[in-house]
Protein backbone atom coordinates (compact mmCIF):
# COMPACT_ATOMS: atom_id res chain seq x y z
CA MET A 1 -14.13 -7.90 -2.83
CA SER A 2 -15.52 -5.52 -4.84
CA PRO A 3 -16.94 -5.52 -8.52
CA GLU A 4 -14.62 -3.15 -8.84
CA SER A 5 -11.68 -4.76 -8.27
CA GLN A 6 -12.82 -7.64 -10.40
CA ILE A 7 -11.66 -5.20 -12.89
CA LEU A 8 -8.22 -5.79 -12.26
CA VAL A 9 -8.00 -9.93 -11.75
CA ASP A 10 -9.66 -9.84 -15.48
CA LEU A 11 -6.79 -7.52 -16.58
CA TYR A 12 -4.46 -9.10 -15.19
CA ASN A 13 -5.36 -12.63 -16.22
CA ALA A 14 -5.29 -11.37 -19.98
CA ILE A 15 -1.75 -10.43 -19.38
CA LYS A 16 -0.64 -13.37 -18.02
CA GLU A 17 -2.77 -14.99 -20.87
CA GLY A 18 -0.85 -12.35 -22.97
CA LEU A 19 2.75 -13.59 -21.65
CA THR A 20 2.79 -17.03 -21.06
CA SER A 21 0.40 -18.42 -24.83
CA ARG A 22 3.55 -17.91 -26.68
CA PRO A 23 6.64 -19.04 -25.51
CA ASP A 24 9.24 -16.24 -28.06
CA VAL A 25 6.81 -12.86 -26.57
CA SER A 26 10.08 -10.76 -27.10
CA LEU A 27 11.16 -8.10 -23.94
CA GLY A 28 9.92 -5.78 -25.90
CA GLU A 29 6.34 -7.44 -26.38
CA GLN A 30 6.55 -7.97 -22.48
CA ARG A 31 7.29 -4.32 -21.67
CA ALA A 32 4.19 -3.65 -23.93
CA VAL A 33 2.33 -5.23 -22.42
CA LEU A 34 3.02 -4.25 -18.12
CA GLU A 35 2.79 -0.45 -20.23
CA ARG A 36 -0.95 -1.29 -20.45
CA LEU A 37 -1.47 -2.25 -15.97
CA HIS A 38 -2.14 2.45 -15.67
CA GLU A 39 -5.41 1.90 -17.79
CA VAL A 40 -7.85 0.75 -14.58
CA ALA A 41 -6.60 3.74 -12.19
CA ALA A 42 -9.25 6.46 -13.06
CA GLU A 43 -7.17 10.05 -13.54
CA PRO A 44 -7.26 11.70 -10.66
CA THR A 45 -9.28 15.44 -10.45
CA ASP A 46 -6.59 18.65 -10.13
CA VAL A 47 -3.81 17.14 -10.12
CA THR A 48 -1.45 18.28 -13.14
CA TYR A 49 1.84 16.91 -14.56
CA GLU A 50 3.99 17.67 -16.26
CA GLU A 51 8.21 15.73 -17.04
CA THR A 52 11.81 16.88 -16.44
CA ARG A 53 14.98 15.47 -16.73
CA CYS A 54 16.50 14.11 -13.73
CA PRO A 55 20.52 13.28 -14.21
CA GLY A 56 21.45 10.45 -15.82
CA THR A 57 17.86 9.35 -17.06
CA VAL A 58 16.89 8.36 -20.75
CA ARG A 59 13.36 9.15 -20.11
CA PRO A 60 12.36 12.13 -18.28
CA ALA A 61 10.10 12.15 -14.57
CA ILE A 62 7.04 13.23 -14.46
CA TRP A 63 5.97 15.81 -12.42
CA CYS A 64 2.42 15.40 -10.47
CA LYS A 65 1.11 18.82 -8.89
CA PRO A 66 -1.86 18.49 -6.67
CA LEU A 67 -3.52 21.65 -7.24
CA LEU A 68 -3.96 21.88 -3.09
CA ALA A 69 -0.20 19.77 -2.60
CA HIS A 70 2.71 21.62 -0.26
CA SER A 71 5.29 22.12 -3.00
CA SER A 72 8.11 21.83 0.40
CA ARG A 73 7.03 18.23 0.04
CA VAL A 74 7.22 15.84 -2.98
CA ILE A 75 6.69 12.02 -3.01
CA LEU A 76 9.71 10.44 -4.92
CA TYR A 77 7.76 7.20 -6.93
CA MET A 78 9.38 4.17 -8.17
CA HIS A 79 7.17 2.03 -10.18
CA GLY A 80 6.29 -1.33 -10.42
CA GLY A 81 7.57 -3.70 -13.42
CA ALA A 82 9.67 -6.75 -12.03
CA GLY A 83 12.58 -3.93 -12.39
CA TYR A 84 12.84 -5.14 -16.65
CA ALA A 85 9.41 -3.10 -17.50
CA GLY A 86 7.30 -0.19 -16.99
CA SER A 87 7.51 3.95 -16.81
CA PRO A 88 6.46 7.25 -15.40
CA SER A 89 3.57 7.32 -18.13
CA SER A 90 2.20 3.46 -16.40
CA HIS A 91 2.65 4.51 -13.42
CA ARG A 92 1.78 8.75 -13.04
CA LYS A 93 -2.01 8.69 -12.23
CA LEU A 94 -1.50 6.02 -9.20
CA ALA A 95 1.40 8.31 -8.43
CA GLY A 96 -0.83 11.26 -8.57
CA HIS A 97 -4.08 9.17 -6.00
CA LEU A 98 -1.17 9.14 -3.91
CA ALA A 99 0.73 12.98 -3.92
CA LYS A 100 -2.75 13.97 -3.52
CA ALA A 101 -3.99 12.48 -0.78
CA ALA A 102 -0.87 13.05 1.19
CA GLY A 103 -0.79 16.56 0.13
CA SER A 104 2.70 16.49 -1.72
CA THR A 105 3.70 16.52 -4.98
CA ALA A 106 5.01 13.26 -6.15
CA LEU A 107 7.96 12.78 -8.79
CA VAL A 108 7.61 9.41 -10.89
CA LEU A 109 11.50 8.38 -11.87
CA ASP A 110 12.72 6.53 -14.50
CA TYR A 111 14.79 4.99 -13.05
CA ARG A 112 17.12 1.78 -15.48
CA LEU A 113 16.62 -1.17 -16.16
CA ALA A 114 17.51 -4.62 -16.74
CA PRO A 115 18.52 -6.70 -18.28
CA GLU A 116 20.30 -4.08 -19.65
CA HIS A 117 21.15 -2.14 -17.06
CA PRO A 118 20.70 -4.67 -13.81
CA PHE A 119 21.06 -4.08 -9.99
CA PRO A 120 22.66 -2.16 -9.40
CA ALA A 121 21.28 0.31 -11.44
CA ALA A 122 17.67 0.87 -10.24
CA LEU A 123 18.69 2.28 -6.78
CA GLU A 124 22.16 4.99 -8.03
CA ASP A 125 19.55 6.14 -10.03
CA VAL A 126 16.63 6.85 -6.92
CA VAL A 127 20.17 7.75 -4.45
CA SER A 128 21.22 10.73 -7.56
CA ALA A 129 17.08 11.58 -7.77
CA TYR A 130 17.05 12.30 -4.26
CA LYS A 131 20.56 14.12 -4.36
CA TRP A 132 19.21 16.07 -7.09
CA LEU A 133 15.82 17.34 -5.22
CA MET A 134 18.06 18.12 -2.35
CA ASP A 135 20.04 20.37 -4.39
CA GLN A 136 16.65 22.03 -5.50
CA GLY A 137 16.33 23.31 -1.76
CA TYR A 138 13.43 19.69 -0.57
CA LYS A 139 14.87 18.86 2.16
CA PRO A 140 15.44 15.35 3.27
CA ARG A 141 12.53 15.55 6.00
CA ASN A 142 9.83 17.11 3.60
CA ILE A 143 10.90 13.55 1.32
CA VAL A 144 9.52 10.43 1.16
CA PHE A 145 10.08 7.46 -0.47
CA ALA A 146 7.60 5.40 -1.87
CA GLY A 147 6.52 2.41 -4.40
CA ASP A 148 5.16 -0.62 -6.15
CA SER A 149 6.37 -4.31 -6.48
CA ALA A 150 9.94 -3.72 -7.79
CA GLY A 151 9.59 0.39 -6.74
CA GLY A 152 8.43 -1.30 -3.25
CA ASN A 153 12.00 -2.75 -3.17
CA PHE A 154 13.84 -0.14 -4.57
CA ALA A 155 12.09 2.82 -2.66
CA THR A 156 13.49 0.91 0.80
CA ALA A 157 16.42 -0.03 -0.89
CA SER A 158 17.45 3.40 -1.55
CA ALA A 159 16.57 3.76 1.80
CA LEU A 160 18.87 1.45 3.07
CA LYS A 161 21.34 3.15 0.51
CA VAL A 162 21.32 6.59 1.59
CA LYS A 163 21.80 4.92 5.57
CA GLU A 164 25.10 3.30 3.85
CA LEU A 165 26.43 6.31 2.45
CA GLN A 166 25.34 8.60 5.84
CA LEU A 167 23.49 11.08 3.85
CA PRO A 168 20.25 12.59 5.24
CA LEU A 169 17.73 9.93 5.78
CA PRO A 170 13.82 10.99 3.99
CA ALA A 171 11.32 11.34 6.17
CA ALA A 172 9.19 7.62 5.44
CA VAL A 173 8.98 5.02 2.69
CA VAL A 174 6.08 3.39 1.58
CA ALA A 175 5.63 0.45 -0.09
CA PHE A 176 2.70 -1.00 -1.87
CA SER A 177 3.02 -4.71 -2.02
CA PRO A 178 6.85 -4.97 -2.92
CA TRP A 179 8.64 -7.21 -5.00
CA ILE A 180 11.78 -8.45 -2.34
CA ASP A 181 12.96 -11.83 -1.71
CA MET A 182 14.88 -12.46 -4.83
CA GLU A 183 15.56 -16.24 -3.34
CA VAL A 184 11.08 -16.90 -3.66
CA THR A 185 11.18 -18.94 -0.48
CA GLY A 186 7.68 -17.41 1.36
CA GLU A 187 5.17 -19.53 1.95
CA SER A 188 2.50 -17.44 0.16
CA GLN A 189 4.47 -18.53 -3.19
CA LYS A 190 2.60 -21.81 -2.62
CA PHE A 191 -0.46 -20.64 -0.59
CA ASN A 192 -1.29 -17.89 -3.21
CA ALA A 193 -0.51 -19.43 -6.20
CA ASP A 194 -4.39 -20.94 -7.76
CA LYS A 195 -4.91 -16.88 -6.17
CA ASP A 196 -3.39 -14.56 -7.57
CA ALA A 197 -4.31 -13.55 -11.62
CA LEU A 198 -0.97 -11.83 -12.92
CA SER A 199 2.40 -14.01 -11.68
CA PRO A 200 2.69 -17.48 -13.20
CA PRO A 201 3.94 -20.32 -11.08
CA GLY A 202 7.77 -19.97 -11.98
CA VAL A 203 8.73 -16.06 -12.20
CA GLY A 204 9.56 -15.14 -9.63
CA HIS A 205 12.94 -17.12 -10.24
CA VAL A 206 13.25 -16.08 -13.66
CA ILE A 207 12.33 -12.10 -12.56
CA SER A 208 15.36 -12.54 -10.11
CA GLN A 209 18.06 -13.62 -12.16
CA LEU A 210 16.82 -10.96 -14.76
CA TYR A 211 17.15 -8.09 -11.93
CA LEU A 212 20.46 -9.34 -10.10
CA GLY A 213 22.54 -10.73 -12.99
CA SER A 214 25.47 -11.66 -11.43
CA GLU A 215 24.94 -10.39 -8.48
CA SER A 216 24.31 -12.76 -5.15
CA PRO A 217 20.39 -12.76 -4.06
CA LYS A 218 21.20 -12.47 -0.39
CA ASN A 219 22.96 -8.89 -1.03
CA PRO A 220 21.13 -6.51 1.37
CA LEU A 221 20.48 -3.80 -1.22
CA ALA A 222 18.43 -6.68 -3.67
CA ASN A 223 17.03 -8.81 -0.51
CA VAL A 224 16.32 -6.26 1.82
CA LEU A 225 15.35 -9.15 4.26
CA TYR A 226 19.40 -9.58 4.78
CA ALA A 227 19.49 -6.05 5.84
CA ASP A 228 19.69 -4.10 8.97
CA PHE A 229 17.25 -1.40 9.11
CA SER A 230 18.75 0.06 12.56
CA GLY A 231 17.94 3.93 12.18
CA MET A 232 15.39 4.06 9.12
CA PRO A 233 12.63 6.24 9.18
CA PRO A 234 9.45 4.85 9.25
CA ILE A 235 8.05 2.58 6.88
CA ASN A 236 4.35 1.75 5.61
CA ILE A 237 3.48 -1.71 3.90
CA SER A 238 -0.03 -2.69 1.89
CA ALA A 239 -0.28 -5.61 0.12
CA GLY A 240 -2.99 -7.25 -1.23
CA GLY A 241 -4.25 -10.91 0.30
CA TRP A 242 -4.20 -13.06 -2.69
CA GLU A 243 -0.93 -11.90 -3.79
CA VAL A 244 2.10 -14.13 -4.39
CA LEU A 245 4.39 -11.68 -2.67
CA LEU A 246 2.13 -11.58 0.35
CA SER A 247 5.31 -13.42 1.88
CA ASP A 248 7.46 -10.25 1.19
CA ALA A 249 5.81 -7.68 2.66
CA THR A 250 4.37 -9.42 6.22
CA ARG A 251 8.82 -10.32 6.22
CA LEU A 252 9.29 -6.69 5.02
CA ALA A 253 7.16 -5.89 8.40
CA GLU A 254 8.16 -8.20 10.91
CA ARG A 255 12.39 -7.19 9.82
CA ALA A 256 11.77 -2.92 10.25
CA LYS A 257 10.13 -4.12 13.50
CA ALA A 258 12.28 -6.23 15.07
CA ALA A 259 14.96 -3.11 14.88
CA GLY A 260 12.67 -1.07 16.14
CA VAL A 261 11.68 1.17 13.30
CA GLU A 262 7.90 2.31 13.16
CA THR A 263 5.79 0.61 10.52
CA GLU A 264 2.21 -0.25 9.33
CA LEU A 265 0.77 -3.09 8.02
CA GLU A 266 -1.94 -3.76 5.69
CA VAL A 267 -3.02 -6.57 4.31
CA SER A 268 -5.94 -6.32 2.36
CA PRO A 269 -8.12 -9.33 2.24
CA GLU A 270 -8.89 -10.78 -0.79
CA MET A 271 -6.88 -8.43 -2.96
CA GLN A 272 -4.32 -8.80 -5.64
CA HIS A 273 -0.93 -8.00 -6.64
CA VAL A 274 -0.73 -3.85 -6.51
CA TYR A 275 -4.67 -3.58 -6.19
CA HIS A 276 -3.67 -0.08 -5.12
CA PHE A 277 -3.92 0.11 -8.75
CA MET A 278 -8.10 0.73 -9.00
CA ALA A 279 -7.22 4.02 -7.16
CA GLY A 280 -10.51 6.31 -7.80
CA ASN A 281 -12.18 2.82 -9.43
CA ALA A 282 -12.45 0.19 -6.45
CA PRO A 283 -13.17 0.77 -2.69
CA GLU A 284 -10.36 -0.94 -1.01
CA ALA A 285 -7.50 0.77 -3.41
CA ASP A 286 -9.49 4.31 -2.23
CA LYS A 287 -9.43 3.19 1.57
CA THR A 288 -6.01 2.26 1.37
CA ILE A 289 -4.21 4.89 -0.31
CA ARG A 290 -6.82 7.36 1.44
CA GLU A 291 -5.38 6.27 4.76
CA VAL A 292 -1.50 5.75 3.57
CA GLY A 293 -1.89 9.75 2.85
CA SER A 294 -3.30 10.13 5.62
CA TRP A 295 -0.24 8.63 7.26
CA LEU A 296 2.14 10.60 5.24
CA LYS A 297 1.35 13.97 6.36
CA THR A 298 1.98 13.30 9.80
CA LYS A 299 5.57 11.83 8.55
CA PHE A 300 6.46 15.34 6.45
CA GLY A 301 8.58 17.67 8.36
CA LYS A 302 7.12 21.63 9.22
């Protein structure tokens, strides 16, 4: 692990301490703490931002517009935060770095959060934003779904929902450290328990229930390990070798490959959950984002 990536470990330890030191930490306080995730990323150069309103959302989405981007290409980015936290502001820098690497723009969506709006509210918002982008003239072959953690779930599940609705599919899916398994059965929950700096023991079941509400953890649009991936667009998955969600990423790759989907998987040794947050400040994050960006350039349509 590079010295730069240790900064993310320190931040995660501070966040975990803050969330577990008091049993009465409110949901609002938890959301405020997790909003700090943007602090470790560098501000990408030559990227401008502007707010826009997407249908059905309360807060505005954020456009990330690299100066040399192809204006016809867009990454629809879903921020992480376990489905109950995070915002376009907390993830705009990460999305900006990815957009710059891909030579595209990015739209960081403000989807509805659990528990006020449990499954499938977030997916409905992603599909609405996708339709809105197509109404604005963007071609499906030039739209990519991407996200980290819970957003990696939503990017994947929304593509599955688009397929179910028989809408044109996006060009590709990108999932950074995806949170997939609502049953919390992954082996890495055990073998990485003492290495993961962010997730305390038992938290997986709590946040899964928060997101699911009354829905079954086996619903294939909530837990895509149960989904039919046949006919899906190419998917690029990356995860840290020391995160408890590593098995979510590897099993997602296995399911996609078994269905004949073009699949890329990177496991970055010793890295934490969404190590990509260190974009612009750590070599491991920069390597992954650079390679994913190059991959996306081959997936966008002409």
